[in-house]
Amino acid sequence: MKCLIRTALFVAGLTSTDAAAGQIDLVMTGFGSDEGLARIVLMEGVEGYASVKPVTATASVPISEGRARWTADVPAGTYAIIAHHDRNANDELDRPVFELPLEPYGYSNGAWTSVGLPIFEEVAFEVGDGVAPQRIPMRLNAIVTLAQIVVAGGAALAALIALVAIRRRRAVHHA
């Protein structure tokens, strides 16, 4: 009988916590292509954001017309989201050089920083009874973007120099 009472109290405790559930409605924009997946990491409280306690949820959703949407029912509380465009669908935010992300990413509340994480207060949002809308624009790290421009520009410059050298050789041979 004691076991039955304990079970009933435990179940009652679970249902009372679940009664305060709300919903996160996340829309991510700014995807450069529909290839790959949108990856979402949901963290509860400053402890979750600081990796002191485990991540609350992760999800992967398809991208369509440069947008992705994810909804989740969660208990009332304070949350933060980090999302990224997993272009190659390898379940990681690719960071091959100096730990700088090569794939677009973003934070809840549209918070942004090119280096490190934004402070918790910038990304934190409340979920209560109802829907908590979130919008995250995907952005590419400014340092990585500049590096990609330099690399692409360097490749274009090398191709131009090679073309000029080939034309000069032809001109010398025909003269």
Protein backbone atom coordinates (compact mmCIF):
# COMPACT_ATOMS: atom_id res chain seq x y z
CA MET A 1 0.00 0.00 0.00
CA LYS A 2 2.85 2.41 0.85
CA CYS A 3 4.37 1.70 -2.56
CA LEU A 4 1.06 2.55 -4.27
CA ILE A 5 0.80 5.85 -2.36
CA ARG A 6 4.41 6.79 -3.21
CA THR A 7 3.78 6.00 -6.90
CA ALA A 8 0.60 8.11 -6.90
CA LEU A 9 2.44 11.04 -5.27
CA PHE A 10 5.31 10.70 -7.75
CA VAL A 11 2.93 10.69 -10.73
CA ALA A 12 1.01 13.65 -9.28
CA GLY A 13 4.30 15.56 -8.95
CA LEU A 14 5.15 14.87 -12.59
CA THR A 15 1.77 15.98 -13.85
CA SER A 16 1.85 19.21 -11.85
CA THR A 17 5.25 20.10 -13.37
CA ASP A 18 4.01 19.25 -16.85
CA ALA A 19 0.91 21.42 -16.38
CA ALA A 20 3.15 24.51 -16.45
CA ALA A 21 4.46 23.59 -19.91
CA GLY A 22 4.74 26.08 -22.72
CA GLN A 23 5.93 25.87 -26.29
CA ILE A 24 8.95 27.25 -28.13
CA ASP A 25 8.25 28.23 -31.74
CA LEU A 26 11.63 28.79 -33.40
CA VAL A 27 12.03 30.16 -36.93
CA MET A 28 15.54 30.32 -38.39
CA THR A 29 16.23 32.43 -41.48
CA GLY A 30 19.12 33.37 -43.72
CA PHE A 31 20.19 29.92 -44.89
CA GLY A 32 22.26 30.27 -48.06
CA SER A 33 20.95 26.96 -49.38
CA ASP A 34 18.51 24.21 -48.49
CA GLU A 35 21.29 21.60 -48.36
CA GLY A 36 22.10 20.00 -45.03
CA LEU A 37 20.07 20.52 -41.88
CA ALA A 38 19.33 23.16 -39.28
CA ARG A 39 20.74 21.96 -35.95
CA ILE A 40 19.29 23.25 -32.69
CA VAL A 41 20.67 23.04 -29.14
CA LEU A 42 18.28 24.06 -26.35
CA MET A 43 19.74 24.81 -22.91
CA GLU A 44 17.89 25.56 -19.68
CA GLY A 45 19.13 28.34 -17.46
CA VAL A 46 22.57 29.82 -17.09
CA GLU A 47 23.84 26.42 -15.88
CA GLY A 48 22.79 24.78 -19.14
CA TYR A 49 24.27 27.60 -21.20
CA ALA A 50 27.55 27.35 -19.30
CA SER A 51 27.56 23.53 -19.80
CA VAL A 52 27.34 22.97 -16.03
CA LYS A 53 24.26 20.82 -16.59
CA PRO A 54 23.33 18.72 -19.63
CA VAL A 55 21.72 20.15 -22.74
CA THR A 56 17.92 20.14 -22.49
CA ALA A 57 17.26 19.08 -26.09
CA THR A 58 18.82 18.83 -29.52
CA ALA A 59 17.05 18.65 -32.84
CA SER A 60 17.71 18.57 -36.56
CA VAL A 61 15.17 19.97 -39.00
CA PRO A 62 15.10 20.34 -42.78
CA ILE A 63 15.61 23.68 -44.49
CA SER A 64 13.17 24.90 -47.12
CA GLU A 65 13.43 28.12 -49.12
CA GLY A 66 16.15 29.44 -46.82
CA ARG A 67 14.10 28.90 -43.63
CA ALA A 68 13.68 26.23 -40.98
CA ARG A 69 11.14 25.85 -38.18
CA TRP A 70 11.18 23.88 -34.93
CA THR A 71 8.65 23.69 -32.12
CA ALA A 72 9.01 22.03 -28.75
CA ASP A 73 6.84 21.65 -25.68
CA VAL A 74 8.91 22.45 -22.59
CA PRO A 75 8.34 23.16 -18.90
CA ALA A 76 8.16 26.81 -17.90
CA GLY A 77 11.62 28.29 -17.39
CA THR A 78 14.45 30.33 -18.82
CA TYR A 79 16.14 28.96 -21.93
CA ALA A 80 18.77 29.74 -24.54
CA ILE A 81 19.21 28.35 -28.07
CA ILE A 82 22.22 27.97 -30.32
CA ALA A 83 21.47 26.93 -33.90
CA HIS A 84 23.63 26.34 -36.95
CA HIS A 85 23.42 25.36 -40.61
CA ASP A 86 24.99 21.91 -40.79
CA ARG A 87 25.73 22.18 -44.52
CA ASN A 88 27.37 18.76 -44.79
CA ALA A 89 25.02 17.00 -42.32
CA ASN A 90 27.90 15.68 -40.19
CA ASP A 91 26.19 16.56 -36.86
CA GLU A 92 28.89 19.13 -36.02
CA LEU A 93 29.56 22.83 -36.29
CA ASP A 94 32.69 22.61 -38.45
CA ARG A 95 35.61 24.55 -36.87
CA PRO A 96 38.81 23.47 -38.60
CA VAL A 97 40.91 26.64 -38.17
CA PHE A 98 41.39 28.41 -34.82
CA GLU A 99 38.05 26.95 -33.66
CA LEU A 100 36.19 29.49 -35.84
CA PRO A 101 32.91 28.14 -37.26
CA LEU A 102 32.85 27.63 -41.02
CA GLU A 103 29.08 27.17 -41.07
CA PRO A 104 26.49 29.88 -40.40
CA TYR A 105 25.10 29.98 -36.86
CA GLY A 106 22.98 32.10 -34.55
CA TYR A 107 21.60 32.53 -31.05
CA SER A 108 18.20 33.05 -29.46
CA ASN A 109 16.93 36.63 -29.41
CA GLY A 110 19.03 37.25 -32.53
CA ALA A 111 22.04 37.88 -30.26
CA TRP A 112 25.38 37.92 -32.06
CA THR A 113 29.12 37.82 -31.51
CA SER A 114 31.94 36.83 -33.86
CA VAL A 115 34.16 35.50 -31.08
CA GLY A 116 33.02 33.36 -28.16
CA LEU A 117 29.48 33.14 -26.85
CA PRO A 118 27.17 36.08 -26.16
CA ILE A 119 26.48 36.61 -22.48
CA PHE A 120 23.55 34.63 -21.11
CA GLU A 121 21.36 37.71 -20.60
CA GLU A 122 21.50 38.42 -24.35
CA VAL A 123 20.29 34.95 -25.36
CA ALA A 124 17.97 34.11 -22.45
CA PHE A 125 14.21 34.00 -22.98
CA GLU A 126 11.28 32.94 -20.83
CA VAL A 127 8.81 30.19 -21.56
CA GLY A 128 5.55 30.29 -19.63
CA ASP A 129 2.04 29.04 -20.38
CA GLY A 130 1.71 29.54 -24.10
CA VAL A 131 3.96 30.07 -27.07
CA ALA A 132 7.38 31.69 -26.81
CA PRO A 133 8.36 32.80 -30.33
CA GLN A 134 12.04 32.92 -31.24
CA ARG A 135 13.69 34.13 -34.46
CA ILE A 136 17.32 33.36 -35.26
CA PRO A 137 19.03 34.76 -38.35
CA MET A 138 21.90 32.56 -39.53
CA ARG A 139 25.16 34.46 -39.91
CA LEU A 140 28.69 33.53 -40.87
CA ASN A 141 31.55 34.54 -38.62
CA ALA A 142 33.03 37.83 -39.95
CA ILE A 143 36.63 36.61 -39.64
CA VAL A 144 35.81 33.44 -41.59
CA THR A 145 33.94 35.45 -44.23
CA LEU A 146 36.94 37.72 -44.68
CA ALA A 147 39.25 34.69 -44.92
CA GLN A 148 36.99 33.12 -47.56
CA ILE A 149 37.05 36.35 -49.58
CA VAL A 150 40.85 36.48 -49.35
CA VAL A 151 41.16 32.82 -50.39
CA ALA A 152 38.70 33.25 -53.28
CA GLY A 153 40.43 36.49 -54.29
CA GLY A 154 43.82 34.80 -54.08
CA ALA A 155 42.61 31.94 -56.28
CA ALA A 156 41.17 34.40 -58.80
CA LEU A 157 44.41 36.39 -58.79
CA ALA A 158 46.47 33.21 -59.31
CA ALA A 159 44.23 32.22 -62.25
CA LEU A 160 44.62 35.70 -63.78
CA ILE A 161 48.42 35.57 -63.45
CA ALA A 162 48.48 32.10 -65.03
CA LEU A 163 46.33 33.33 -67.92
CA VAL A 164 48.63 36.31 -68.52
CA ALA A 165 51.69 34.00 -68.44
CA ILE A 166 50.12 31.65 -70.98
CA ARG A 167 49.28 34.52 -73.32
CA ARG A 168 52.81 35.91 -73.03
CA ARG A 169 54.29 32.50 -73.92
CA ARG A 170 52.04 32.29 -76.96
CA ALA A 171 52.99 35.83 -78.00
CA VAL A 172 56.71 35.01 -77.64
CA HIS A 173 56.39 31.80 -79.69
CA HIS A 174 54.45 33.54 -82.49
CA ALA A 175 56.89 36.46 -82.77
